[in-house]
Structure formats: C-alpha cells, structure tokens
C-alpha cells in the first residue's frame, strides 16, 4: 500500500549512478492504483536517467503533465516511444498554448514544442480537463487552482500573445498537481506550483478534507519569491502539518536553503536520483 516517488529529471543530481541533471522536472510515482509518469523534463535526461534508475518508462499506467512549459513536456516523445501501445496523457486544455518568457529586452519561447497531432501519432491519447478529478482509485489531479492568497502572484515574465498584438499576462491556468492517498497521509507531487504552494495545498484540503498531508515534492516556484513572500509561505505551511517537503527545480538554491533551515529534518533536497517512500 506504499507510495514511492523516484525523481527522474531535476536541475541537479543527488546520486553517483551515471545520472544527468537538466533544468526540468519529472517523477516516477508508484501507487497501489498503478504507476504514473508525472512530467517529462526537457527531453535531455529522461530516458537516460530512467535506464540508470531501473525504470521502464513503457510501464506507466498514464502520463500526467503539470502544465505546458518546455521543461516539463519535451521528454514526451521518449516516454511515448518507450511503449508499444497508446497511453493516456492527462493535462489541462491550455497545455498547448504558445507561451513566452519576456523580461527587460529579452524574450524566448517556453511552451511545449510539439504539435498535438504529432504526439498522438506516436501514442498519446490526451485526456484534457479543467477541474479536480480522480484518475484512478486514490489518485487525483487538482485541475485549475484558484488564486486566493495575496502573496503568491503570477510570474509577470510569463506572457501570451494578445489577440490585439503585443504581450499579455499568462495566467497559467493549466498549473496542476498530482495527489495520492496513502495510509500515512496525502502525497502531493508538484510541477512548478505556478498557482502558489499555499493555494495548491488549500485546494487539496478543500477537496479532500480531514486527510493529513505527509509528503509534498516538486517545484515550488519560490526561486522567484522575495523575502516577504517566502516568509508568508512558511507561516502558512505550518497550517497544513506537512511531515516532509521535497523542494526541487524552480525552488532555487537560495530559498531552498532557507526552507531547509526553517524546516530542518522535514526538508529534503529532491534532486535526480532521490527516492521518497510513504507507507
């Protein structure tokens, strides 16, 4: 009845087994209701790290995409061609939107690079939805996460092309997380938590009341947070009684160190090669 998470893609490496780091995120999530590939990194390290860690990408019951950024989706072809049969890919309808990073005088494309038709031709069967849902017994997706906290703003550098031309704010409505029930409490796998870590956990508590949180792992997007946002996040985190936070990817080294200092033994640096088990 245990839940096991193996970090396949992350910015850095935690084990000396021929693994590779990349700016991205992917996790192999083993549950009593099947095994899921959550995100796919940016396409450089997924297949290599899976082989090194003894993970058969073709054995996934389904693939979940947290949102439509390149560093979470570009490993999709490797995951799809690792199998001989089609597989369900769970995502939000906005996952294929054209997305950009714009700051000062710099701009670059940061969305998924592949057309839906190509991915379907190599085995993807997209299952797109906006709301909270159960995709297998005890396995849930948050869907869209309401932005309620005043201290978790949408990243202003994330842009879409406006209908009238020029840039407009990307609200990143497709940001979602995976939630798994375990005998010891809920296990939450984040992508980037663009909607805010506290907003994400608040929605989960609302949808799955009276269940304690055990482990939260993944990107927290706190690497872009100033001191006041980090302080407010830490204050609110205590309300959820999390027993372990495995921060990674977009958490950033400086704020990751601050989280470690504040949380002590409850903090884990979830680099490639990390294995977390609950139950």
Protein backbone atom coordinates (compact mmCIF):
# COMPACT_ATOMS: atom_id res chain seq x y z
CA UNK A 1 0.00 0.00 0.00
CA UNK A 2 3.04 2.30 -0.08
CA UNK A 3 3.63 5.22 -2.45
CA UNK A 4 7.10 5.64 -3.91
CA UNK A 5 8.43 8.62 -5.86
CA UNK A 6 11.62 8.47 -7.93
CA UNK A 7 12.95 11.79 -9.24
CA UNK A 8 13.93 11.25 -12.89
CA UNK A 9 14.56 14.85 -14.02
CA UNK A 10 15.67 17.84 -11.98
CA UNK A 11 18.22 20.63 -12.19
CA UNK A 12 20.84 18.72 -10.21
CA UNK A 13 21.90 15.18 -9.34
CA UNK A 14 21.95 13.53 -5.92
CA UNK A 15 23.34 10.07 -6.66
CA UNK A 16 26.55 8.86 -8.40
CA UNK A 17 24.92 6.42 -10.80
CA UNK A 18 25.63 7.95 -14.22
CA UNK A 19 22.66 10.28 -13.90
CA UNK A 20 22.25 13.63 -15.65
CA UNK A 21 20.75 16.92 -14.50
CA UNK A 22 18.78 19.37 -16.62
CA UNK A 23 16.57 22.36 -15.98
CA UNK A 24 13.32 20.44 -15.75
CA UNK A 25 11.20 18.08 -13.70
CA UNK A 26 9.90 14.51 -13.99
CA UNK A 27 8.91 12.00 -11.33
CA UNK A 28 8.03 8.30 -11.42
CA UNK A 29 5.14 7.81 -9.00
CA UNK A 30 4.33 4.26 -7.89
CA UNK A 31 0.92 3.87 -6.22
CA UNK A 32 -1.40 0.99 -5.30
CA UNK A 33 -3.53 2.05 -8.30
CA UNK A 34 -0.67 1.92 -10.80
CA UNK A 35 2.45 3.82 -11.73
CA UNK A 36 2.41 7.30 -13.27
CA UNK A 37 4.98 9.41 -15.06
CA UNK A 38 4.49 12.96 -13.80
CA UNK A 39 6.05 15.43 -16.26
CA UNK A 40 8.88 14.55 -18.63
CA UNK A 41 11.65 17.14 -18.24
CA UNK A 42 13.01 18.97 -21.27
CA UNK A 43 13.95 15.91 -23.27
CA UNK A 44 17.66 15.57 -22.48
CA UNK A 45 17.81 13.32 -19.44
CA UNK A 46 14.55 11.41 -19.07
CA UNK A 47 15.40 8.22 -20.99
CA UNK A 48 18.99 8.12 -19.72
CA UNK A 49 18.05 8.58 -16.08
CA UNK A 50 15.20 6.09 -16.33
CA UNK A 51 17.63 3.42 -17.58
CA UNK A 52 20.16 4.24 -14.87
CA UNK A 53 17.48 4.01 -12.17
CA UNK A 54 15.94 0.79 -13.50
CA UNK A 55 12.68 2.47 -14.53
CA UNK A 56 10.75 1.15 -17.52
CA UNK A 57 9.02 4.20 -18.99
CA UNK A 58 6.78 1.90 -21.01
CA UNK A 59 5.24 0.52 -17.83
CA UNK A 60 3.43 3.73 -16.85
CA UNK A 61 -0.32 3.42 -16.48
CA UNK A 62 -0.58 7.04 -17.59
CA UNK A 63 1.36 10.25 -18.08
CA UNK A 64 0.44 13.46 -16.27
CA UNK A 65 1.52 16.92 -17.39
CA UNK A 66 1.54 19.61 -14.73
CA UNK A 67 1.49 22.43 -17.31
CA UNK A 68 2.61 23.28 -20.81
CA UNK A 69 6.18 24.55 -20.34
CA UNK A 70 9.10 23.06 -22.26
CA UNK A 71 10.97 21.90 -19.15
CA UNK A 72 8.07 19.65 -18.18
CA UNK A 73 6.92 18.38 -21.57
CA UNK A 74 9.77 17.94 -24.06
CA UNK A 75 10.56 14.41 -22.90
CA UNK A 76 7.12 13.27 -24.06
CA UNK A 77 8.35 11.60 -27.28
CA UNK A 78 10.84 9.48 -25.32
CA UNK A 79 8.12 8.44 -22.88
CA UNK A 80 5.67 7.62 -25.68
CA UNK A 81 8.08 5.69 -27.91
CA UNK A 82 9.23 3.60 -24.94
CA UNK A 83 5.99 1.63 -25.26
CA UNK A 84 4.23 -0.38 -27.93
CA UNK A 85 0.69 0.74 -27.12
CA UNK A 86 -1.08 4.11 -26.74
CA UNK A 87 -1.24 5.71 -23.30
CA UNK A 88 -3.47 8.30 -21.67
CA UNK A 89 -1.85 11.71 -21.16
CA UNK A 90 -3.70 13.74 -18.54
CA UNK A 91 -3.46 17.52 -18.84
CA UNK A 92 -5.38 20.81 -18.88
CA UNK A 93 -6.87 22.10 -22.17
CA UNK A 94 -4.42 25.04 -22.13
CA UNK A 95 -1.37 22.78 -22.26
CA UNK A 96 -0.72 23.52 -25.96
CA UNK A 97 -0.92 27.33 -25.72
CA UNK A 98 2.01 29.26 -27.22
CA UNK A 99 3.96 30.67 -24.29
CA UNK A 100 6.82 33.09 -23.85
CA UNK A 101 9.18 34.44 -21.23
CA UNK A 102 9.61 38.22 -21.57
CA UNK A 103 11.80 40.32 -19.30
CA UNK A 104 13.55 43.62 -19.99
CA UNK A 105 14.76 43.32 -23.60
CA UNK A 106 14.87 39.51 -23.68
CA UNK A 107 12.18 37.14 -24.87
CA UNK A 108 12.05 33.44 -25.66
CA UNK A 109 9.52 30.74 -26.34
CA UNK A 110 8.92 28.46 -23.36
CA UNK A 111 5.89 26.40 -24.36
CA UNK A 112 5.57 22.80 -25.49
CA UNK A 113 7.40 22.37 -28.82
CA UNK A 114 5.33 19.53 -30.27
CA UNK A 115 2.00 19.65 -32.02
CA UNK A 116 -0.80 17.58 -30.57
CA UNK A 117 -1.17 15.67 -33.85
CA UNK A 118 2.46 14.51 -33.76
CA UNK A 119 2.24 13.33 -30.16
CA UNK A 120 -0.99 11.46 -30.92
CA UNK A 121 0.69 9.80 -33.90
CA UNK A 122 3.27 8.24 -31.56
CA UNK A 123 0.80 7.04 -28.95
CA UNK A 124 -0.54 9.91 -26.85
CA UNK A 125 -4.24 9.80 -26.01
CA UNK A 126 -4.93 13.18 -24.45
CA UNK A 127 -7.43 13.35 -21.60
CA UNK A 128 -7.95 17.07 -21.01
CA UNK A 129 -9.98 18.59 -18.18
CA UNK A 130 -10.06 21.75 -16.10
CA UNK A 131 -11.43 20.55 -12.78
CA UNK A 132 -10.35 18.45 -9.81
CA UNK A 133 -10.73 14.77 -10.70
CA UNK A 134 -9.87 11.23 -9.68
CA UNK A 135 -7.97 9.44 -12.45
CA UNK A 136 -7.60 6.15 -10.54
CA UNK A 137 -8.65 4.96 -7.07
CA UNK A 138 -6.91 7.27 -4.61
CA UNK A 139 -5.07 9.21 -7.35
CA UNK A 140 -6.23 12.77 -8.08
CA UNK A 141 -5.39 15.80 -10.20
CA UNK A 142 -6.07 19.25 -8.81
CA UNK A 143 -7.02 20.84 -12.12
CA UNK A 144 -7.18 24.64 -12.06
CA UNK A 145 -6.14 26.12 -8.73
CA UNK A 146 -7.91 29.28 -7.51
CA UNK A 147 -5.51 32.16 -6.79
CA UNK A 148 -6.63 33.30 -3.36
CA UNK A 149 -3.55 34.33 -1.41
CA UNK A 150 -2.36 37.94 -1.75
CA UNK A 151 1.30 36.90 -1.54
CA UNK A 152 1.52 34.36 -4.39
CA UNK A 153 1.44 36.46 -7.58
CA UNK A 154 1.52 35.16 -11.12
CA UNK A 155 5.04 35.48 -12.53
CA UNK A 156 4.96 38.76 -14.52
CA UNK A 157 7.57 37.49 -17.00
CA UNK A 158 5.23 34.74 -18.25
CA UNK A 159 3.42 36.03 -21.33
CA UNK A 160 0.96 35.14 -24.08
CA UNK A 161 0.44 36.90 -27.39
CA UNK A 162 -2.63 39.12 -27.02
CA UNK A 163 -5.43 38.97 -29.60
CA UNK A 164 -4.73 42.61 -30.40
CA UNK A 165 -0.98 42.01 -30.71
CA UNK A 166 1.72 42.56 -28.14
CA UNK A 167 2.01 40.71 -24.85
CA UNK A 168 -0.50 39.88 -22.14
CA UNK A 169 -0.11 38.09 -18.84
CA UNK A 170 -0.19 34.30 -18.93
CA UNK A 171 -2.46 33.26 -16.01
CA UNK A 172 -1.08 29.71 -16.20
CA UNK A 173 -4.48 28.20 -15.55
CA UNK A 174 -3.16 24.77 -16.54
CA UNK A 175 -0.89 24.56 -13.48
CA UNK A 176 -1.91 21.41 -11.59
CA UNK A 177 -0.54 18.84 -9.17
CA UNK A 178 -0.93 15.11 -8.53
CA UNK A 179 -2.32 13.87 -5.21
CA UNK A 180 -2.09 10.28 -3.96
CA UNK A 181 -3.73 8.82 -0.88
CA UNK A 182 -1.55 6.69 1.37
CA UNK A 183 -2.10 5.11 4.79
CA UNK A 184 0.11 7.79 6.34
CA UNK A 185 -1.44 10.78 4.60
CA UNK A 186 -1.63 12.58 1.29
CA UNK A 187 1.33 12.64 -1.07
CA UNK A 188 1.42 15.69 -3.35
CA UNK A 189 3.61 15.92 -6.46
CA UNK A 190 4.03 19.46 -7.75
CA UNK A 191 5.16 20.59 -11.19
CA UNK A 192 6.15 24.23 -10.67
CA UNK A 193 3.32 25.37 -8.38
CA UNK A 194 2.81 28.46 -10.54
CA UNK A 195 -0.52 28.94 -8.76
CA UNK A 196 1.30 29.13 -5.44
CA UNK A 197 2.24 26.41 -2.99
CA UNK A 198 -0.26 27.58 -0.37
CA UNK A 199 -3.04 27.97 -2.95
CA UNK A 200 -2.35 24.44 -4.17
CA UNK A 201 -2.44 22.88 -0.72
CA UNK A 202 -5.55 24.87 0.21
CA UNK A 203 -7.47 23.47 -2.76
CA UNK A 204 -6.38 19.93 -1.93
CA UNK A 205 -7.51 20.35 1.68
CA UNK A 206 -10.85 21.67 0.42
CA UNK A 207 -11.38 18.79 -1.99
CA UNK A 208 -10.03 16.05 0.30
CA UNK A 209 -10.96 17.22 3.79
CA UNK A 210 -9.86 15.56 7.02
CA UNK A 211 -6.83 13.93 5.42
CA UNK A 212 -3.39 14.81 6.76
CA UNK A 213 -0.55 15.81 4.46
CA UNK A 214 2.51 13.61 4.57
CA UNK A 215 4.86 14.43 1.68
CA UNK A 216 4.92 17.33 -0.79
CA UNK A 217 7.57 17.11 -3.51
CA UNK A 218 8.44 19.04 -6.65
CA UNK A 219 8.90 22.60 -7.89
CA UNK A 220 7.57 25.35 -5.64
CA UNK A 221 8.38 28.40 -7.84
CA UNK A 222 9.81 30.01 -4.71
CA UNK A 223 13.06 30.66 -6.52
CA UNK A 224 11.43 33.86 -7.76
CA UNK A 225 9.94 34.87 -4.39
CA UNK A 226 11.13 37.85 -2.39
CA UNK A 227 11.65 37.70 1.36
CA UNK A 228 8.09 38.70 2.24
CA UNK A 229 6.55 36.00 0.03
CA UNK A 230 8.86 33.33 1.41
CA UNK A 231 8.09 34.41 4.98
CA UNK A 232 4.33 34.32 4.35
CA UNK A 233 4.60 30.93 2.65
CA UNK A 234 6.50 29.45 5.59
CA UNK A 235 3.94 30.83 8.05
CA UNK A 236 1.02 29.30 6.14
CA UNK A 237 2.79 25.98 5.54
CA UNK A 238 2.57 25.23 9.24
CA UNK A 239 -1.23 25.15 8.92
CA UNK A 240 -1.02 22.02 6.75
CA UNK A 241 1.13 19.92 9.07
CA UNK A 242 3.35 18.63 6.27
CA UNK A 243 5.70 15.93 7.51
CA UNK A 244 8.13 16.18 4.60
CA UNK A 245 8.78 18.79 1.88
CA UNK A 246 10.95 17.69 -1.03
CA UNK A 247 11.58 21.00 -2.79
CA UNK A 248 13.16 20.94 -6.23
CA UNK A 249 13.55 22.54 -9.66
CA UNK A 250 12.22 26.13 -9.54
CA UNK A 251 12.59 26.42 -5.75
CA UNK A 252 16.05 27.90 -6.30
CA UNK A 253 19.17 27.26 -4.26
CA UNK A 254 18.97 30.32 -2.01
CA UNK A 255 15.33 29.89 -0.99
CA UNK A 256 15.77 26.13 -0.88
CA UNK A 257 18.49 26.69 1.72
CA UNK A 258 16.14 28.94 3.69
CA UNK A 259 13.43 26.29 3.61
CA UNK A 260 15.93 23.72 4.84
CA UNK A 261 16.95 26.00 7.70
CA UNK A 262 13.34 26.57 8.76
CA UNK A 263 12.02 23.03 8.29
CA UNK A 264 15.05 21.07 9.45
CA UNK A 265 14.58 17.30 9.18
CA UNK A 266 11.26 17.80 7.38
CA UNK A 267 13.12 19.15 4.34
CA UNK A 268 14.53 17.04 1.50
CA UNK A 269 16.51 18.30 -1.50
CA UNK A 270 14.77 16.31 -4.25
CA UNK A 271 17.43 16.11 -6.96
CA UNK A 272 17.69 13.40 -9.66
CA UNK A 273 18.14 10.01 -8.03
CA UNK A 274 16.11 10.87 -4.93
CA UNK A 275 13.66 8.16 -3.85
CA UNK A 276 10.90 9.00 -1.38
CA UNK A 277 8.60 6.36 0.06
CA UNK A 278 5.46 6.77 2.15
CA UNK A 279 3.80 3.82 3.83
